[in-house]
């Protein structure tokens, strides 16, 4: 399926005197949900205003159509070379968003990185949707900057780019660097942009058109609460699990966990057997292996470093535990 787009999405309406131009740079396997929930609020804002406050164009490395992760092919209007030349002309955008998704590391490109730096240096706000914070970091734009990335990619991102201040937030707008975690978080970030440029009334009208009841706070959690995700209601068990998830690289002993929650070791053992169907030690191991699986799938970090990051004393012990859990070795997982 191919999506046709036009350079001027609403030429029949007059341009606003304070019009903003936005470039959406698509890379292969970009997230369609993040892209559409970013661009649709702009269209709705224009419709509610009755003019073209927001204009946009789509770009790719070579100016050819780009396939999203869902298989939909999207046509673009410009190439990377076109956009680099546009920075020195009247076509320079106000904002440039990189749209990515799965396998983001395959989109790494020196020319793209140079373009991102050129955008920032020329005063263009640089943004990333879904996993694109990875590309912004690789270009050197996130050192000391707050940023957001999809929770699934967060562990590998933290290991690879320790100088970036990454959070499991919906979105971050740190100066002229904007990032969002993808999914419908792009909608919240764009509604925030519309609110900055206009007023709350217009934001509310756009929300009504999009059938959403509010603009979420950027620091709202990405994932479902543990109660909903795991079906666990016991507050002590939830507290223990959160404590485990916060201590992956240096696993805690059951004694330390017991001191933290104010229970005995035997009480914790009984709670986990009744609530989780396994011992706390087993569950803690599963948490660490799950983190390792994300690192293997979402990064190129050496296996031995993945083992260390997930609290294993040796690569051989890590491989043994991983094979027992998933039926394959860490190297096979990565392949």
Protein backbone atom coordinates (compact mmCIF):
# COMPACT_ATOMS: atom_id res chain seq x y z
CA UNK A 1 0.00 0.00 0.00
CA UNK A 2 1.35 3.42 -0.99
CA UNK A 3 0.24 6.68 0.60
CA UNK A 4 0.24 9.71 -1.69
CA UNK A 5 1.03 13.11 -0.16
CA UNK A 6 1.15 16.60 -1.56
CA UNK A 7 3.66 19.34 -0.91
CA UNK A 8 0.93 21.80 0.04
CA UNK A 9 -1.61 19.86 2.13
CA UNK A 10 -4.19 22.66 2.22
CA UNK A 11 -3.39 25.14 -0.52
CA UNK A 12 -6.97 26.41 -0.65
CA UNK A 13 -6.58 28.17 2.71
CA UNK A 14 -4.38 31.24 3.22
CA UNK A 15 -1.08 30.93 5.04
CA UNK A 16 -1.01 32.45 8.51
CA UNK A 17 1.35 35.38 9.00
CA UNK A 18 3.19 33.38 11.67
CA UNK A 19 3.26 30.13 9.71
CA UNK A 20 5.56 27.36 10.90
CA UNK A 21 7.10 24.83 8.51
CA UNK A 22 7.87 21.35 9.75
CA UNK A 23 9.93 18.68 8.00
CA UNK A 24 9.19 15.04 8.81
CA UNK A 25 12.25 13.00 7.88
CA UNK A 26 11.21 9.37 7.43
CA UNK A 27 13.63 6.48 7.80
CA UNK A 28 12.84 2.84 6.90
CA UNK A 29 10.65 1.00 9.41
CA UNK A 30 9.42 4.24 10.95
CA UNK A 31 6.48 4.00 13.33
CA UNK A 32 3.27 4.87 11.51
CA UNK A 33 1.34 5.54 14.71
CA UNK A 34 3.93 8.04 15.93
CA UNK A 35 4.06 9.76 12.53
CA UNK A 36 0.31 10.06 12.06
CA UNK A 37 -0.40 11.19 15.61
CA UNK A 38 2.23 13.90 15.10
CA UNK A 39 0.97 15.22 11.76
CA UNK A 40 -2.80 14.96 12.27
CA UNK A 41 -3.01 17.51 15.13
CA UNK A 42 -1.35 20.04 12.83
CA UNK A 43 -3.98 19.44 10.15
CA UNK A 44 -6.76 19.73 12.71
CA UNK A 45 -5.28 22.95 14.12
CA UNK A 46 -5.21 24.46 10.63
CA UNK A 47 -8.80 23.39 10.08
CA UNK A 48 -9.97 24.88 13.36
CA UNK A 49 -8.10 28.13 12.71
CA UNK A 50 -9.21 28.43 9.10
CA UNK A 51 -5.70 29.17 7.83
CA UNK A 52 -2.34 27.48 7.28
CA UNK A 53 -0.48 28.12 10.48
CA UNK A 54 1.33 24.80 10.06
CA UNK A 55 2.85 23.62 6.80
CA UNK A 56 4.85 20.44 6.40
CA UNK A 57 6.76 18.36 3.94
CA UNK A 58 8.11 14.82 4.04
CA UNK A 59 11.72 13.91 3.30
CA UNK A 60 13.86 10.80 3.04
CA UNK A 61 17.53 10.06 2.45
CA UNK A 62 17.17 9.78 -1.34
CA UNK A 63 13.77 11.38 -1.93
CA UNK A 64 12.23 7.96 -2.65
CA UNK A 65 9.19 6.46 -0.87
CA UNK A 66 9.78 5.00 2.58
CA UNK A 67 8.21 1.84 4.00
CA UNK A 68 6.88 2.04 7.54
CA UNK A 69 7.16 -0.84 9.99
CA UNK A 70 3.56 -1.81 9.18
CA UNK A 71 4.39 -2.22 5.46
CA UNK A 72 2.68 0.98 4.28
CA UNK A 73 4.76 2.88 1.72
CA UNK A 74 4.72 6.68 2.04
CA UNK A 75 5.77 9.07 -0.72
CA UNK A 76 7.95 12.05 0.18
CA UNK A 77 8.61 15.39 -1.49
CA UNK A 78 12.30 16.02 -0.82
CA UNK A 79 15.64 14.32 -0.22
CA UNK A 80 18.37 14.83 2.36
CA UNK A 81 20.38 16.89 -0.13
CA UNK A 82 17.33 19.07 -0.84
CA UNK A 83 16.82 19.71 2.86
CA UNK A 84 20.47 20.53 3.49
CA UNK A 85 20.30 23.16 0.74
CA UNK A 86 16.99 24.44 2.14
CA UNK A 87 18.67 25.41 5.40
CA UNK A 88 20.35 28.31 3.63
CA UNK A 89 17.19 29.48 1.86
CA UNK A 90 13.68 30.75 2.52
CA UNK A 91 12.59 27.09 2.71
CA UNK A 92 14.40 26.53 5.98
CA UNK A 93 11.96 24.81 8.36
CA UNK A 94 11.19 25.87 11.90
CA UNK A 95 11.15 22.28 13.15
CA UNK A 96 12.57 19.02 11.82
CA UNK A 97 11.37 15.67 13.17
CA UNK A 98 13.15 12.38 12.47
CA UNK A 99 10.59 9.57 12.38
CA UNK A 100 11.94 6.11 13.14
CA UNK A 101 10.83 2.84 14.68
CA UNK A 102 12.21 -0.69 14.85
CA UNK A 103 15.78 -1.44 13.74
CA UNK A 104 16.67 2.23 14.19
CA UNK A 105 20.40 1.43 14.19
CA UNK A 106 20.10 0.53 10.49
CA UNK A 107 19.20 4.15 9.76
CA UNK A 108 22.52 5.51 11.04
CA UNK A 109 24.05 7.67 8.33
CA UNK A 110 26.89 10.20 8.49
CA UNK A 111 25.16 12.56 6.09
CA UNK A 112 21.98 12.43 8.17
CA UNK A 113 23.98 13.14 11.32
CA UNK A 114 25.63 16.13 9.65
CA UNK A 115 22.21 17.43 8.61
CA UNK A 116 20.88 17.12 12.16
CA UNK A 117 23.81 19.14 13.48
CA UNK A 118 23.36 21.72 10.72
CA UNK A 119 19.69 22.08 11.65
CA UNK A 120 20.50 22.70 15.31
CA UNK A 121 23.30 25.13 14.49
CA UNK A 122 21.04 27.12 12.16
CA UNK A 123 18.33 27.55 14.78
CA UNK A 124 15.97 24.80 13.66
CA UNK A 125 14.32 22.83 16.45
CA UNK A 126 15.35 19.19 16.07
CA UNK A 127 12.96 16.46 17.18
CA UNK A 128 12.74 12.71 17.26
CA UNK A 129 9.68 10.46 17.23
CA UNK A 130 9.63 6.98 18.79
CA UNK A 131 13.20 5.61 18.71
CA UNK A 132 14.73 8.61 16.89
CA UNK A 133 16.45 9.80 20.07
CA UNK A 134 18.97 7.09 19.14
CA UNK A 135 19.82 8.95 15.92
CA UNK A 136 19.95 12.33 17.65
CA UNK A 137 22.32 10.89 20.26
CA UNK A 138 24.51 9.29 17.59
CA UNK A 139 24.73 12.72 15.95
CA UNK A 140 25.98 14.19 19.23
CA UNK A 141 22.90 16.29 19.98
CA UNK A 142 21.81 14.75 23.28
CA UNK A 143 24.87 15.20 25.50
CA UNK A 144 23.48 16.60 28.75
CA UNK A 145 20.02 16.90 27.23
CA UNK A 146 16.78 15.51 28.61
CA UNK A 147 15.19 13.11 26.15
CA UNK A 148 12.54 10.41 25.86
CA UNK A 149 12.55 7.13 24.00
CA UNK A 150 10.23 4.14 23.81
CA UNK A 151 10.50 2.03 26.99
CA UNK A 152 11.53 -1.03 25.00
CA UNK A 153 14.62 0.79 23.71
CA UNK A 154 15.49 2.60 26.92
CA UNK A 155 17.88 0.02 28.48
CA UNK A 156 20.06 -0.23 25.36
CA UNK A 157 19.98 3.53 24.89
CA UNK A 158 21.17 4.13 28.47
CA UNK A 159 24.07 1.76 28.01
CA UNK A 160 25.16 3.21 24.67
CA UNK A 161 24.65 6.93 25.40
CA UNK A 162 25.39 7.50 29.10
CA UNK A 163 25.79 11.27 28.65
CA UNK A 164 22.17 11.69 27.54
CA UNK A 165 19.58 12.23 30.27
CA UNK A 166 17.00 9.74 29.06
CA UNK A 167 13.68 9.22 30.82
CA UNK A 168 10.73 6.91 30.44
CA UNK A 169 8.55 9.98 29.86
CA UNK A 170 6.00 10.50 27.11
CA UNK A 171 8.00 13.38 25.66
CA UNK A 172 10.71 15.89 26.48
CA UNK A 173 11.14 19.43 25.12
CA UNK A 174 14.61 20.52 26.24
CA UNK A 175 15.32 23.83 24.56
CA UNK A 176 15.40 23.24 20.81
CA UNK A 177 15.68 19.44 21.18
CA UNK A 178 12.32 17.63 21.33
CA UNK A 179 11.87 13.89 21.64
CA UNK A 180 8.91 11.63 22.27
CA UNK A 181 8.52 7.96 23.08
CA UNK A 182 6.36 7.21 20.06
CA UNK A 183 2.88 5.79 19.87
CA UNK A 184 0.23 8.29 20.91
CA UNK A 185 2.81 10.28 22.89
CA UNK A 186 3.45 12.18 19.65
CA UNK A 187 -0.11 13.50 19.87
CA UNK A 188 0.54 14.94 23.33
CA UNK A 189 3.78 16.59 22.24
CA UNK A 190 2.16 18.21 19.21
CA UNK A 191 -0.80 19.40 21.29
CA UNK A 192 1.76 21.00 23.60
CA UNK A 193 3.32 22.72 20.56
CA UNK A 194 -0.09 23.96 19.39
CA UNK A 195 -0.79 25.26 22.89
CA UNK A 196 2.47 27.22 22.90
CA UNK A 197 1.63 28.83 19.57
CA UNK A 198 -2.06 29.49 20.21
CA UNK A 199 -4.28 29.13 23.26
CA UNK A 200 -6.00 26.50 25.34
CA UNK A 201 -9.24 26.93 23.44
CA UNK A 202 -7.68 25.78 20.17
CA UNK A 203 -6.02 22.82 21.91
CA UNK A 204 -9.38 21.81 23.35
CA UNK A 205 -11.02 22.03 19.93
CA UNK A 206 -8.31 19.86 18.40
CA UNK A 207 -8.74 17.37 21.26
CA UNK A 208 -12.46 17.20 20.59
CA UNK A 209 -11.83 16.52 16.91
CA UNK A 210 -9.28 13.82 17.75
CA UNK A 211 -11.63 12.30 20.37
CA UNK A 212 -9.11 12.63 23.17
CA UNK A 213 -10.15 14.16 26.46
CA UNK A 214 -6.88 15.77 27.56
CA UNK A 215 -3.25 16.55 26.89
CA UNK A 216 -1.24 14.14 28.99
CA UNK A 217 1.56 15.43 31.17
CA UNK A 218 4.97 14.78 29.55
CA UNK A 219 6.04 12.92 32.67
CA UNK A 220 3.13 10.49 32.66
CA UNK A 221 4.30 6.88 32.57
CA UNK A 222 4.69 5.07 29.24
CA UNK A 223 3.84 1.60 30.45
CA UNK A 224 0.80 0.34 32.28
CA UNK A 225 1.09 0.39 36.08
CA UNK A 226 2.35 -2.86 37.55
CA UNK A 227 -1.09 -3.58 39.00
CA UNK A 228 -2.59 -3.62 35.52
CA UNK A 229 0.41 -5.12 33.74
CA UNK A 230 0.91 -8.07 36.06
CA UNK A 231 -2.53 -8.34 37.61
CA UNK A 232 -1.01 -7.95 41.09
CA UNK A 233 -2.87 -6.08 43.81
CA UNK A 234 -0.65 -6.61 46.86
CA UNK A 235 1.14 -3.33 47.61
CA UNK A 236 4.15 -5.06 49.18
CA UNK A 237 4.70 -7.29 46.14
CA UNK A 238 4.44 -4.29 43.82
CA UNK A 239 6.95 -2.39 45.96
CA UNK A 240 9.37 -5.33 45.85
CA UNK A 241 9.07 -5.68 42.06
CA UNK A 242 9.71 -1.96 41.57
CA UNK A 243 12.76 -2.29 43.83
CA UNK A 244 14.01 -5.23 41.76
CA UNK A 245 13.51 -3.36 38.48
CA UNK A 246 15.48 -0.42 39.85
CA UNK A 247 18.42 -2.68 40.80
CA UNK A 248 19.33 -4.76 37.75
CA UNK A 249 23.09 -4.38 37.37
CA UNK A 250 23.79 -5.10 41.03
CA UNK A 251 21.11 -7.53 42.19
CA UNK A 252 20.03 -7.29 45.80
CA UNK A 253 19.93 -10.17 48.24
CA UNK A 254 16.64 -11.32 49.67
CA UNK A 255 17.82 -10.00 53.05
CA UNK A 256 18.28 -6.50 51.57
CA UNK A 257 14.86 -6.68 49.94
CA UNK A 258 13.30 -7.85 53.20
CA UNK A 259 14.87 -4.91 55.08
CA UNK A 260 13.60 -2.51 52.41
CA UNK A 261 9.93 -3.56 52.65
CA UNK A 262 9.92 -4.44 56.35
CA UNK A 263 9.03 -8.12 55.92
CA UNK A 264 10.80 -11.35 56.78
CA UNK A 265 12.35 -13.52 54.10
CA UNK A 266 9.75 -16.18 54.74
CA UNK A 267 6.88 -13.69 54.34
CA UNK A 268 8.30 -12.55 50.99
CA UNK A 269 8.67 -16.14 49.82
CA UNK A 270 5.03 -16.87 50.69
CA UNK A 271 3.79 -13.66 49.08
CA UNK A 272 5.56 -14.37 45.80
CA UNK A 273 4.38 -17.96 45.67
CA UNK A 274 0.77 -16.90 46.20
CA UNK A 275 0.81 -13.75 44.03
CA UNK A 276 3.35 -14.60 41.30
CA UNK A 277 3.43 -18.41 41.34
CA UNK A 278 7.22 -18.54 41.80
CA UNK A 279 9.93 -17.62 44.26
CA UNK A 280 11.24 -14.02 44.51
CA UNK A 281 14.67 -15.24 43.37
CA UNK A 282 13.17 -16.78 40.25
CA UNK A 283 11.14 -13.69 39.48
CA UNK A 284 14.19 -11.45 39.99
CA UNK A 285 16.13 -13.60 37.53
CA UNK A 286 13.31 -13.26 34.99
CA UNK A 287 13.38 -9.46 35.38
CA UNK A 288 17.12 -9.39 34.71
CA UNK A 289 16.87 -11.74 31.73
CA UNK A 290 14.04 -9.68 30.27
CA UNK A 291 16.27 -6.59 30.47
CA UNK A 292 19.06 -8.57 28.82
CA UNK A 293 16.72 -9.61 26.02
CA UNK A 294 15.86 -5.98 25.28
CA UNK A 295 19.56 -5.05 25.27
CA UNK A 296 20.37 -7.86 22.86
CA UNK A 297 17.53 -6.96 20.52
CA UNK A 298 17.78 -3.18 20.70
CA UNK A 299 21.53 -2.55 20.85
CA UNK A 300 24.89 -3.75 19.59
CA UNK A 301 26.43 -3.91 23.07
CA UNK A 302 28.81 -6.92 23.38
CA UNK A 303 27.21 -9.93 25.05
CA UNK A 304 29.68 -9.83 27.93
CA UNK A 305 28.69 -6.21 28.65
CA UNK A 306 25.02 -7.16 28.50
CA UNK A 307 25.74 -9.85 31.10
CA UNK A 308 27.45 -7.33 33.40
CA UNK A 309 24.71 -4.74 32.91
CA UNK A 310 22.14 -7.31 34.01
CA UNK A 311 23.99 -8.45 37.10
CA UNK A 312 25.59 -11.72 35.96
CA UNK A 313 29.03 -12.61 37.27
CA UNK A 314 30.17 -14.24 34.02
CA UNK A 315 29.18 -14.53 30.39
CA UNK A 316 28.96 -18.31 30.71
CA UNK A 317 26.52 -18.15 33.62
CA UNK A 318 24.49 -15.56 31.73
CA UNK A 319 24.36 -17.74 28.62
CA UNK A 320 23.28 -20.78 30.65
CA UNK A 321 20.44 -18.88 32.34
CA UNK A 322 19.40 -17.25 29.08
CA UNK A 323 19.22 -20.56 27.22
CA UNK A 324 17.18 -22.13 30.02
CA UNK A 325 14.71 -19.23 29.89
CA UNK A 326 14.36 -18.63 26.15
CA UNK A 327 15.63 -21.82 24.53
CA UNK A 328 18.44 -20.05 22.68
CA UNK A 329 21.79 -18.48 23.48
CA UNK A 330 22.30 -14.71 23.69
CA UNK A 331 24.20 -14.81 20.38
CA UNK A 332 21.32 -16.66 18.70
CA UNK A 333 18.90 -14.08 20.11
CA UNK A 334 20.90 -11.27 18.59
CA UNK A 335 21.08 -12.99 15.21
